[in-house]
């Protein structure tokens, strides 16, 4: 069951582990507040999928979010990518990241780069944004700092359409992990 004291913000609590029946029973505002950052700074996505309830299971909820993203025009997909912060960037340094991004970047070591790596990351982030018009997106929880730096360097060479698609795939990975922190995976729905 959901702790009503935790419904004020999707930033609290870290792990809810709600079953899908509890998710389906959430009023609109609570649904958006709790799940609104599974796609970074895009609560409009969870707001849109709320009307698709009841979801049969975790997989159906995840699929609804993916289908919404897939239906967006390319400019909408780029908008999702633009909502992501630079890795090891000024938002991390100033403490203005979302709780989820802060934890994900810290887990990958982005908050503890030596000066050479921090400088390299800043330069690569700049080159990437100049080339593509949106920040580099990678599922930090599935990578370490060495792999992130390597992929950032390599992906700067991609064509725009390839990189946009790759960024959206990384968004899906991030979304899945964030959903897993909130919703039990494929627990049966008692409709």
N, C-alpha and C. Protein backbone atom coordinates (compact mmCIF):
# COMPACT_ATOMS: atom_id res chain seq x y z
N UNK A 1 0.85 -1.18 0.00
CA UNK A 1 0.00 0.00 0.00
C UNK A 1 0.89 1.24 0.00
N UNK A 2 0.40 2.32 -0.56
CA UNK A 2 1.15 3.56 -0.65
C UNK A 2 1.04 4.33 0.65
N UNK A 3 2.14 4.83 1.12
CA UNK A 3 2.16 5.70 2.29
C UNK A 3 1.70 7.08 1.84
N UNK A 4 0.55 7.52 2.31
CA UNK A 4 -0.02 8.80 1.86
C UNK A 4 0.89 9.98 2.18
N UNK A 5 1.76 9.84 3.18
CA UNK A 5 2.69 10.92 3.50
C UNK A 5 3.73 11.11 2.41
N UNK A 6 3.88 10.14 1.53
CA UNK A 6 4.92 10.19 0.50
C UNK A 6 4.39 10.67 -0.84
N UNK A 7 3.13 11.04 -0.94
CA UNK A 7 2.56 11.38 -2.22
C UNK A 7 2.80 12.81 -2.66
N UNK A 8 3.48 13.60 -1.84
CA UNK A 8 3.63 15.01 -2.15
C UNK A 8 4.64 15.27 -3.26
N UNK A 9 5.53 14.36 -3.54
CA UNK A 9 6.57 14.60 -4.53
C UNK A 9 7.10 13.28 -5.06
N UNK A 10 7.40 13.24 -6.37
CA UNK A 10 7.95 12.02 -6.94
C UNK A 10 9.39 11.80 -6.49
N UNK A 11 9.98 12.76 -5.83
CA UNK A 11 11.35 12.59 -5.34
C UNK A 11 11.39 11.80 -4.04
N UNK A 12 10.25 11.51 -3.44
CA UNK A 12 10.18 10.77 -2.18
C UNK A 12 9.14 9.68 -2.36
N UNK A 13 9.36 8.52 -1.92
CA UNK A 13 10.57 7.93 -1.37
C UNK A 13 11.41 7.32 -2.47
N UNK A 14 12.60 6.83 -2.10
CA UNK A 14 13.50 6.26 -3.08
C UNK A 14 12.92 4.97 -3.66
N UNK A 15 12.41 4.09 -2.81
CA UNK A 15 11.82 2.83 -3.27
C UNK A 15 10.44 2.68 -2.67
N UNK A 16 9.46 2.53 -3.54
CA UNK A 16 8.08 2.34 -3.09
C UNK A 16 7.69 0.88 -3.16
N UNK A 17 8.07 0.20 -4.25
CA UNK A 17 7.70 -1.19 -4.47
C UNK A 17 6.19 -1.40 -4.41
N UNK A 18 5.45 -0.55 -5.10
CA UNK A 18 4.00 -0.69 -5.19
C UNK A 18 3.67 -1.83 -6.14
N UNK A 19 2.61 -2.55 -5.84
CA UNK A 19 2.14 -3.52 -6.82
C UNK A 19 1.33 -2.76 -7.87
N UNK A 20 1.06 -3.41 -8.98
CA UNK A 20 0.41 -2.72 -10.10
C UNK A 20 -1.01 -2.31 -9.74
N UNK A 21 -1.69 -3.06 -8.88
CA UNK A 21 -3.04 -2.68 -8.46
C UNK A 21 -3.00 -1.34 -7.72
N UNK A 22 -1.98 -1.14 -6.89
CA UNK A 22 -1.84 0.13 -6.18
C UNK A 22 -1.56 1.25 -7.16
N UNK A 23 -0.70 1.01 -8.14
CA UNK A 23 -0.41 2.00 -9.18
C UNK A 23 -1.70 2.36 -9.92
N UNK A 24 -2.47 1.34 -10.30
CA UNK A 24 -3.71 1.57 -11.04
C UNK A 24 -4.73 2.37 -10.23
N UNK A 25 -4.69 2.25 -8.91
CA UNK A 25 -5.65 2.93 -8.05
C UNK A 25 -5.25 4.37 -7.72
N UNK A 26 -4.04 4.76 -8.08
CA UNK A 26 -3.59 6.11 -7.76
C UNK A 26 -4.40 7.16 -8.50
N UNK A 27 -4.84 8.19 -7.78
CA UNK A 27 -5.47 9.32 -8.47
C UNK A 27 -4.43 9.97 -9.40
N UNK A 28 -4.92 10.70 -10.38
CA UNK A 28 -4.07 11.31 -11.40
C UNK A 28 -2.89 12.06 -10.80
N UNK A 29 -3.14 12.98 -9.86
CA UNK A 29 -2.05 13.80 -9.32
C UNK A 29 -1.00 12.95 -8.62
N UNK A 30 -1.43 11.94 -7.88
CA UNK A 30 -0.47 11.07 -7.19
C UNK A 30 0.33 10.24 -8.18
N UNK A 31 -0.34 9.74 -9.21
CA UNK A 31 0.33 8.96 -10.26
C UNK A 31 1.45 9.80 -10.89
N UNK A 32 1.11 11.03 -11.26
CA UNK A 32 2.10 11.92 -11.90
C UNK A 32 3.19 12.31 -10.91
N UNK A 33 2.83 12.60 -9.66
CA UNK A 33 3.84 12.98 -8.67
C UNK A 33 4.81 11.84 -8.38
N UNK A 34 4.31 10.62 -8.31
CA UNK A 34 5.18 9.49 -7.98
C UNK A 34 5.99 8.98 -9.16
N UNK A 35 5.40 8.99 -10.35
CA UNK A 35 6.07 8.41 -11.52
C UNK A 35 6.56 9.47 -12.52
N UNK A 36 6.37 10.72 -12.18
CA UNK A 36 6.63 11.80 -13.13
C UNK A 36 8.06 11.99 -13.57
N UNK A 37 9.01 11.41 -12.88
CA UNK A 37 10.40 11.58 -13.29
C UNK A 37 11.03 10.27 -13.75
N UNK A 38 10.22 9.29 -14.11
CA UNK A 38 10.82 8.06 -14.66
C UNK A 38 11.47 8.36 -16.00
N UNK A 39 10.96 9.36 -16.70
CA UNK A 39 11.65 9.95 -17.84
C UNK A 39 12.03 11.35 -17.38
N UNK A 40 13.32 11.62 -17.32
CA UNK A 40 13.88 12.82 -16.69
C UNK A 40 13.12 14.09 -17.06
N UNK A 41 12.56 14.75 -16.04
CA UNK A 41 11.89 16.04 -16.16
C UNK A 41 10.79 16.04 -17.22
N UNK A 42 10.12 14.90 -17.40
CA UNK A 42 9.04 14.79 -18.39
C UNK A 42 7.78 14.21 -17.77
N UNK A 43 7.22 14.86 -16.75
CA UNK A 43 6.00 14.33 -16.14
C UNK A 43 4.82 14.28 -17.10
N UNK A 44 4.89 15.02 -18.20
CA UNK A 44 3.81 14.99 -19.19
C UNK A 44 3.62 13.58 -19.75
N UNK A 45 4.70 12.80 -19.78
CA UNK A 45 4.60 11.42 -20.31
C UNK A 45 3.76 10.57 -19.37
N UNK A 46 4.05 10.61 -18.09
CA UNK A 46 3.24 9.81 -17.16
C UNK A 46 1.83 10.37 -17.07
N UNK A 47 1.69 11.68 -17.20
CA UNK A 47 0.34 12.26 -17.21
C UNK A 47 -0.47 11.70 -18.37
N UNK A 48 0.18 11.56 -19.51
CA UNK A 48 -0.52 11.04 -20.69
C UNK A 48 -0.87 9.57 -20.58
N UNK A 49 0.00 8.77 -19.98
CA UNK A 49 -0.28 7.32 -19.92
C UNK A 49 -1.24 6.96 -18.79
N UNK A 50 -1.47 7.87 -17.85
CA UNK A 50 -2.39 7.60 -16.74
C UNK A 50 -3.75 7.12 -17.25
N UNK A 51 -4.24 7.73 -18.33
CA UNK A 51 -5.56 7.37 -18.84
C UNK A 51 -5.61 5.96 -19.43
N UNK A 52 -4.46 5.33 -19.60
CA UNK A 52 -4.40 3.96 -20.11
C UNK A 52 -4.62 2.90 -19.04
N UNK A 53 -4.82 3.33 -17.79
CA UNK A 53 -5.06 2.37 -16.70
C UNK A 53 -6.35 1.62 -16.95
N UNK A 54 -6.53 0.45 -16.44
CA UNK A 54 -5.58 -0.26 -15.59
C UNK A 54 -4.51 -0.98 -16.43
N UNK A 55 -3.30 -0.96 -15.92
CA UNK A 55 -2.20 -1.69 -16.55
C UNK A 55 -2.22 -3.11 -16.01
N UNK A 56 -2.03 -4.07 -16.87
CA UNK A 56 -2.07 -5.47 -16.46
C UNK A 56 -0.92 -5.79 -15.51
N UNK A 57 0.26 -5.20 -15.79
CA UNK A 57 1.45 -5.48 -14.99
C UNK A 57 2.51 -4.42 -15.27
N UNK A 58 3.66 -4.58 -14.65
CA UNK A 58 4.78 -3.66 -14.83
C UNK A 58 5.13 -3.52 -16.31
N UNK A 59 5.18 -4.63 -17.01
CA UNK A 59 5.55 -4.63 -18.43
C UNK A 59 4.58 -3.78 -19.24
N UNK A 60 3.29 -3.84 -18.92
CA UNK A 60 2.30 -3.05 -19.65
C UNK A 60 2.47 -1.56 -19.37
N UNK A 61 2.78 -1.21 -18.14
CA UNK A 61 3.05 0.20 -17.80
C UNK A 61 4.27 0.70 -18.54
N UNK A 62 5.33 -0.07 -18.52
CA UNK A 62 6.56 0.29 -19.23
C UNK A 62 6.29 0.43 -20.73
N UNK A 63 5.51 -0.50 -21.29
CA UNK A 63 5.18 -0.46 -22.72
C UNK A 63 4.37 0.79 -23.06
N UNK A 64 3.47 1.19 -22.17
CA UNK A 64 2.66 2.40 -22.43
C UNK A 64 3.55 3.63 -22.52
N UNK A 65 4.54 3.70 -21.66
CA UNK A 65 5.47 4.83 -21.69
C UNK A 65 6.30 4.79 -22.98
N UNK A 66 6.79 3.61 -23.33
CA UNK A 66 7.58 3.48 -24.57
C UNK A 66 6.75 3.81 -25.80
N UNK A 67 5.51 3.36 -25.83
CA UNK A 67 4.64 3.66 -26.98
C UNK A 67 4.38 5.15 -27.11
N UNK A 68 4.21 5.83 -25.98
CA UNK A 68 4.02 7.28 -26.02
C UNK A 68 5.25 7.93 -26.63
N UNK A 69 6.43 7.54 -26.17
CA UNK A 69 7.67 8.11 -26.70
C UNK A 69 7.81 7.80 -28.19
N UNK A 70 7.53 6.55 -28.58
CA UNK A 70 7.64 6.16 -29.99
C UNK A 70 6.74 6.98 -30.90
N UNK A 71 5.57 7.37 -30.38
CA UNK A 71 4.60 8.11 -31.19
C UNK A 71 4.98 9.58 -31.37
N UNK A 72 5.95 10.06 -30.62
CA UNK A 72 6.36 11.45 -30.74
C UNK A 72 7.08 11.70 -32.06
N UNK A 73 6.95 12.90 -32.60
CA UNK A 73 7.78 13.25 -33.76
C UNK A 73 9.24 13.34 -33.30
N UNK A 74 10.13 13.38 -34.25
CA UNK A 74 11.56 13.45 -33.91
C UNK A 74 11.87 14.65 -33.03
N UNK A 75 11.19 15.77 -33.25
CA UNK A 75 11.43 16.95 -32.42
C UNK A 75 11.01 16.69 -30.97
N UNK A 76 9.97 15.91 -30.75
CA UNK A 76 9.56 15.55 -29.39
C UNK A 76 10.57 14.65 -28.72
N UNK A 77 11.13 13.73 -29.48
CA UNK A 77 12.17 12.85 -28.93
C UNK A 77 13.41 13.67 -28.57
N UNK A 78 13.76 14.61 -29.41
CA UNK A 78 14.89 15.49 -29.08
C UNK A 78 14.58 16.30 -27.83
N UNK A 79 13.33 16.71 -27.66
CA UNK A 79 12.93 17.43 -26.46
C UNK A 79 13.16 16.61 -25.21
N UNK A 80 12.83 15.31 -25.26
CA UNK A 80 13.09 14.42 -24.13
C UNK A 80 14.58 14.38 -23.83
N UNK A 81 15.40 14.27 -24.86
CA UNK A 81 16.85 14.22 -24.66
C UNK A 81 17.36 15.53 -24.06
N UNK A 82 16.78 16.66 -24.47
CA UNK A 82 17.22 17.96 -23.94
C UNK A 82 16.89 18.13 -22.46
N UNK A 83 15.96 17.35 -21.95
CA UNK A 83 15.62 17.44 -20.52
C UNK A 83 16.68 16.80 -19.63
N UNK A 84 17.59 16.06 -20.23
CA UNK A 84 18.63 15.40 -19.44
C UNK A 84 19.79 16.35 -19.18
N UNK A 85 20.39 16.25 -18.00
CA UNK A 85 21.54 17.11 -17.68
C UNK A 85 22.82 16.55 -18.29
N UNK A 86 23.81 17.42 -18.42
CA UNK A 86 25.14 16.94 -18.81
C UNK A 86 25.67 16.04 -17.70
N UNK A 87 26.36 14.99 -18.07
CA UNK A 87 27.02 14.14 -17.08
C UNK A 87 28.20 14.90 -16.50
N UNK A 88 28.29 14.89 -15.18
CA UNK A 88 29.36 15.60 -14.45
C UNK A 88 29.39 17.08 -14.79
N UNK A 89 28.23 17.64 -15.14
CA UNK A 89 28.15 19.03 -15.54
C UNK A 89 27.82 19.97 -14.40
N UNK A 90 27.43 21.19 -14.77
CA UNK A 90 27.20 22.23 -13.77
C UNK A 90 26.05 21.89 -12.82
N UNK A 91 25.02 21.15 -13.30
CA UNK A 91 23.91 20.79 -12.41
C UNK A 91 24.40 19.87 -11.29
N UNK A 92 25.31 18.96 -11.61
CA UNK A 92 25.88 18.10 -10.58
C UNK A 92 26.70 18.94 -9.61
N UNK A 93 27.53 19.82 -10.15
CA UNK A 93 28.40 20.65 -9.32
C UNK A 93 27.61 21.61 -8.42
N UNK A 94 26.49 22.12 -8.94
CA UNK A 94 25.71 23.10 -8.17
C UNK A 94 24.63 22.44 -7.30
N UNK A 95 24.46 21.13 -7.43
CA UNK A 95 23.48 20.43 -6.61
C UNK A 95 22.05 20.59 -7.09
N UNK A 96 21.85 20.90 -8.37
CA UNK A 96 20.50 21.13 -8.89
C UNK A 96 19.95 19.96 -9.71
N UNK A 97 20.64 18.83 -9.69
CA UNK A 97 20.12 17.64 -10.38
C UNK A 97 18.89 17.11 -9.65
N UNK A 98 18.05 16.38 -10.37
CA UNK A 98 16.99 15.65 -9.70
C UNK A 98 17.64 14.60 -8.81
N UNK A 99 16.92 14.15 -7.80
CA UNK A 99 17.47 13.13 -6.90
C UNK A 99 17.91 11.90 -7.70
N UNK A 100 17.09 11.50 -8.64
CA UNK A 100 17.40 10.31 -9.43
C UNK A 100 18.70 10.49 -10.21
N UNK A 101 18.85 11.61 -10.90
CA UNK A 101 20.08 11.86 -11.68
C UNK A 101 21.30 11.96 -10.78
N UNK A 102 21.15 12.61 -9.65
CA UNK A 102 22.28 12.74 -8.71
C UNK A 102 22.75 11.35 -8.27
N UNK A 103 21.82 10.49 -7.88
CA UNK A 103 22.19 9.14 -7.44
C UNK A 103 22.80 8.33 -8.57
N UNK A 104 22.23 8.45 -9.76
CA UNK A 104 22.74 7.70 -10.91
C UNK A 104 24.15 8.15 -11.29
N UNK A 105 24.37 9.46 -11.34
CA UNK A 105 25.70 9.96 -11.68
C UNK A 105 26.72 9.63 -10.60
N UNK A 106 26.32 9.73 -9.35
CA UNK A 106 27.24 9.39 -8.25
C UNK A 106 27.60 7.91 -8.32
N UNK A 107 26.63 7.06 -8.61
CA UNK A 107 26.89 5.63 -8.70
C UNK A 107 27.88 5.27 -9.80
N UNK A 108 27.94 6.10 -10.83
CA UNK A 108 28.89 5.88 -11.93
C UNK A 108 30.20 6.61 -11.71
N UNK A 109 30.32 7.31 -10.59
CA UNK A 109 31.57 8.01 -10.29
C UNK A 109 31.70 9.39 -10.92
N UNK A 110 30.60 9.92 -11.46
CA UNK A 110 30.67 11.23 -12.11
C UNK A 110 30.90 12.37 -11.11
N UNK A 111 30.60 12.13 -9.85
CA UNK A 111 30.80 13.15 -8.83
C UNK A 111 32.20 13.12 -8.22
N UNK A 112 33.03 12.19 -8.70
CA UNK A 112 34.37 12.03 -8.13
C UNK A 112 35.44 11.95 -9.22
N UNK A 113 35.25 12.68 -10.31
CA UNK A 113 36.24 12.67 -11.39
C UNK A 113 37.48 13.46 -10.98
N UNK A 114 38.65 12.96 -11.38
CA UNK A 114 39.86 13.76 -11.16
C UNK A 114 39.83 14.93 -12.15
N UNK A 115 40.71 15.87 -11.99
CA UNK A 115 40.65 17.08 -12.80
C UNK A 115 40.82 16.79 -14.29
N UNK A 116 41.67 15.83 -14.64
CA UNK A 116 41.86 15.50 -16.07
C UNK A 116 40.58 14.91 -16.66
N UNK A 117 39.95 13.98 -15.94
CA UNK A 117 38.71 13.37 -16.44
C UNK A 117 37.58 14.39 -16.48
N UNK A 118 37.50 15.27 -15.48
CA UNK A 118 36.47 16.31 -15.45
C UNK A 118 36.63 17.26 -16.63
N UNK A 119 37.85 17.61 -16.94
CA UNK A 119 38.12 18.49 -18.08
C UNK A 119 37.76 17.79 -19.39
N UNK A 120 38.15 16.53 -19.52
CA UNK A 120 37.82 15.76 -20.72
C UNK A 120 36.31 15.62 -20.87
N UNK A 121 35.61 15.33 -19.76
CA UNK A 121 34.16 15.19 -19.80
C UNK A 121 33.50 16.49 -20.24
N UNK A 122 33.95 17.61 -19.69
CA UNK A 122 33.38 18.90 -20.05
C UNK A 122 33.58 19.19 -21.54
N UNK A 123 34.78 18.90 -22.05
CA UNK A 123 35.06 19.15 -23.47
C UNK A 123 34.22 18.24 -24.37
N UNK A 124 34.13 16.97 -24.01
CA UNK A 124 33.32 16.04 -24.81
C UNK A 124 31.84 16.39 -24.75
N UNK A 125 31.34 16.78 -23.57
CA UNK A 125 29.94 17.21 -23.45
C UNK A 125 29.67 18.40 -24.38
N UNK A 126 30.58 19.36 -24.40
CA UNK A 126 30.44 20.54 -25.26
C UNK A 126 30.43 20.13 -26.73
N UNK A 127 31.38 19.32 -27.14
CA UNK A 127 31.43 18.86 -28.54
C UNK A 127 30.16 18.12 -28.92
N UNK A 128 29.69 17.26 -28.04
CA UNK A 128 28.49 16.46 -28.30
C UNK A 128 27.28 17.38 -28.49
N UNK A 129 27.08 18.33 -27.56
CA UNK A 129 25.93 19.22 -27.65
C UNK A 129 26.00 20.12 -28.88
N UNK A 130 27.20 20.54 -29.24
CA UNK A 130 27.35 21.36 -30.45
C UNK A 130 27.00 20.55 -31.70
N UNK A 131 27.36 19.29 -31.70
CA UNK A 131 27.10 18.43 -32.86
C UNK A 131 25.64 18.04 -32.98
N UNK A 132 24.99 17.69 -31.85
CA UNK A 132 23.65 17.11 -31.91
C UNK A 132 22.54 18.03 -31.41
N UNK A 133 22.86 19.03 -30.61
CA UNK A 133 21.83 19.93 -30.12
C UNK A 133 21.11 19.46 -28.87
N UNK A 134 21.59 18.38 -28.29
CA UNK A 134 21.04 17.87 -27.03
C UNK A 134 22.18 17.20 -26.28
N UNK A 135 22.02 17.02 -24.96
CA UNK A 135 23.10 16.42 -24.18
C UNK A 135 23.25 14.92 -24.42
N UNK A 136 24.42 14.44 -24.16
CA UNK A 136 24.72 13.01 -24.21
C UNK A 136 23.91 12.29 -23.14
N UNK A 137 23.17 11.26 -23.55
CA UNK A 137 22.37 10.49 -22.60
C UNK A 137 22.86 9.05 -22.62
N UNK A 138 23.15 8.55 -21.42
CA UNK A 138 23.55 7.17 -21.24
C UNK A 138 23.01 6.72 -19.88
N UNK A 139 22.66 5.48 -19.78
CA UNK A 139 22.18 4.95 -18.51
C UNK A 139 23.38 4.79 -17.58
N UNK A 140 23.59 5.79 -16.74
CA UNK A 140 24.77 5.81 -15.87
C UNK A 140 24.80 4.61 -14.93
N UNK A 141 23.64 4.14 -14.51
CA UNK A 141 23.59 3.00 -13.58
C UNK A 141 24.11 1.71 -14.23
N UNK A 142 24.19 1.67 -15.53
CA UNK A 142 24.67 0.48 -16.22
C UNK A 142 26.10 0.65 -16.74
N UNK A 143 26.76 1.74 -16.32
CA UNK A 143 28.11 2.04 -16.82
C UNK A 143 28.96 2.63 -15.70
N UNK A 144 30.27 2.57 -15.90
CA UNK A 144 31.19 3.25 -14.99
C UNK A 144 31.78 4.45 -15.73
N UNK A 145 32.57 5.25 -15.01
CA UNK A 145 33.06 6.48 -15.62
C UNK A 145 33.95 6.22 -16.84
N UNK A 146 34.76 5.18 -16.81
CA UNK A 146 35.62 4.89 -17.96
C UNK A 146 34.78 4.56 -19.20
N UNK A 147 33.75 3.76 -19.03
CA UNK A 147 32.89 3.40 -20.16
C UNK A 147 32.08 4.60 -20.64
N UNK A 148 31.64 5.44 -19.71
CA UNK A 148 30.89 6.64 -20.09
C UNK A 148 31.77 7.56 -20.92
N UNK A 149 32.99 7.80 -20.49
CA UNK A 149 33.90 8.65 -21.25
C UNK A 149 34.19 8.05 -22.64
N UNK A 150 34.41 6.74 -22.68
CA UNK A 150 34.67 6.07 -23.96
C UNK A 150 33.48 6.20 -24.90
N UNK A 151 32.27 5.92 -24.38
CA UNK A 151 31.09 6.00 -25.23
C UNK A 151 30.79 7.42 -25.68
N UNK A 152 31.00 8.38 -24.80
CA UNK A 152 30.79 9.77 -25.17
C UNK A 152 31.71 10.15 -26.32
N UNK A 153 32.95 9.76 -26.24
CA UNK A 153 33.90 10.04 -27.31
C UNK A 153 33.49 9.35 -28.62
N UNK A 154 33.14 8.08 -28.52
CA UNK A 154 32.75 7.31 -29.72
C UNK A 154 31.46 7.82 -30.33
N UNK A 155 30.47 8.11 -29.49
CA UNK A 155 29.16 8.50 -30.00
C UNK A 155 29.16 9.89 -30.60
N UNK A 156 30.16 10.70 -30.32
CA UNK A 156 30.28 12.00 -30.98
C UNK A 156 30.44 11.85 -32.49
N UNK A 157 30.85 10.66 -32.94
CA UNK A 157 31.08 10.42 -34.36
C UNK A 157 29.82 9.96 -35.10
N UNK A 158 28.75 9.64 -34.38
CA UNK A 158 27.52 9.13 -35.00
C UNK A 158 26.82 10.19 -35.84
N UNK A 159 25.97 9.73 -36.75
CA UNK A 159 25.07 10.61 -37.48
C UNK A 159 23.96 11.03 -36.53
N UNK A 160 23.33 12.16 -36.79
CA UNK A 160 22.31 12.71 -35.90
C UNK A 160 21.15 11.75 -35.65
N UNK A 161 20.61 11.14 -36.70
CA UNK A 161 19.46 10.24 -36.53
C UNK A 161 19.85 9.01 -35.72
N UNK A 162 21.05 8.50 -35.94
CA UNK A 162 21.53 7.34 -35.19
C UNK A 162 21.68 7.71 -33.72
N UNK A 163 22.25 8.87 -33.47
CA UNK A 163 22.48 9.27 -32.08
C UNK A 163 21.18 9.60 -31.35
N UNK A 164 20.23 10.19 -32.05
CA UNK A 164 18.93 10.47 -31.44
C UNK A 164 18.27 9.15 -31.03
N UNK A 165 18.29 8.17 -31.92
CA UNK A 165 17.71 6.85 -31.61
C UNK A 165 18.46 6.19 -30.46
N UNK A 166 19.77 6.30 -30.46
CA UNK A 166 20.58 5.71 -29.38
C UNK A 166 20.27 6.38 -28.04
N UNK A 167 20.12 7.71 -28.06
CA UNK A 167 19.77 8.44 -26.85
C UNK A 167 18.42 8.00 -26.31
N UNK A 168 17.45 7.81 -27.18
CA UNK A 168 16.12 7.37 -26.74
C UNK A 168 16.19 5.95 -26.17
N UNK A 169 17.01 5.10 -26.73
CA UNK A 169 17.19 3.75 -26.15
C UNK A 169 17.77 3.85 -24.74
N UNK A 170 18.69 4.77 -24.54
CA UNK A 170 19.25 4.97 -23.20
C UNK A 170 18.17 5.52 -22.25
N UNK A 171 17.31 6.40 -22.75
CA UNK A 171 16.19 6.91 -21.94
C UNK A 171 15.32 5.74 -21.49
N UNK A 172 15.05 4.79 -22.38
CA UNK A 172 14.23 3.62 -22.03
C UNK A 172 14.89 2.80 -20.91
N UNK A 173 16.20 2.64 -20.97
CA UNK A 173 16.91 1.91 -19.91
C UNK A 173 16.78 2.63 -18.58
N UNK A 174 16.98 3.94 -18.60
CA UNK A 174 16.86 4.75 -17.39
C UNK A 174 15.45 4.65 -16.84
N UNK A 175 14.47 4.77 -17.72
CA UNK A 175 13.07 4.69 -17.32
C UNK A 175 12.77 3.34 -16.66
N UNK A 176 13.23 2.28 -17.26
CA UNK A 176 12.97 0.94 -16.70
C UNK A 176 13.54 0.82 -15.28
N UNK A 177 14.76 1.25 -15.09
CA UNK A 177 15.38 1.17 -13.77
C UNK A 177 14.66 2.06 -12.75
N UNK A 178 14.24 3.22 -13.18
CA UNK A 178 13.50 4.11 -12.28
C UNK A 178 12.13 3.52 -11.94
N UNK A 179 11.47 2.93 -12.92
CA UNK A 179 10.19 2.27 -12.64
C UNK A 179 10.37 1.11 -11.67
N UNK A 180 11.44 0.34 -11.86
CA UNK A 180 11.70 -0.80 -10.98
C UNK A 180 11.88 -0.37 -9.52
N UNK A 181 12.33 0.85 -9.31
CA UNK A 181 12.49 1.35 -7.94
C UNK A 181 11.15 1.71 -7.30
N UNK A 182 10.11 1.79 -8.12
CA UNK A 182 8.80 2.23 -7.64
C UNK A 182 7.72 1.15 -7.71
N UNK A 183 7.80 0.30 -8.72
CA UNK A 183 6.72 -0.64 -9.01
C UNK A 183 7.27 -2.06 -9.03
N UNK A 184 6.57 -2.97 -8.40
CA UNK A 184 6.96 -4.38 -8.43
C UNK A 184 6.88 -4.90 -9.85
N UNK A 185 7.86 -5.66 -10.25
CA UNK A 185 7.91 -6.19 -11.60
C UNK A 185 6.96 -7.36 -11.75
N UNK A 186 6.02 -7.20 -12.66
CA UNK A 186 5.07 -8.23 -13.06
C UNK A 186 4.39 -8.95 -11.90
N UNK A 187 4.13 -8.21 -10.83
CA UNK A 187 3.24 -8.75 -9.79
C UNK A 187 1.85 -8.78 -10.40
N UNK A 188 1.08 -9.83 -10.15
CA UNK A 188 -0.23 -9.93 -10.79
C UNK A 188 -1.17 -8.80 -10.37
N UNK A 189 -1.98 -8.37 -11.31
CA UNK A 189 -2.98 -7.35 -11.04
C UNK A 189 -4.27 -8.03 -10.64
N UNK A 190 -4.81 -7.63 -9.52
CA UNK A 190 -6.07 -8.20 -9.03
C UNK A 190 -7.18 -7.24 -9.40
N UNK A 191 -7.60 -7.29 -10.67
CA UNK A 191 -8.65 -6.40 -11.15
C UNK A 191 -10.00 -6.78 -10.57
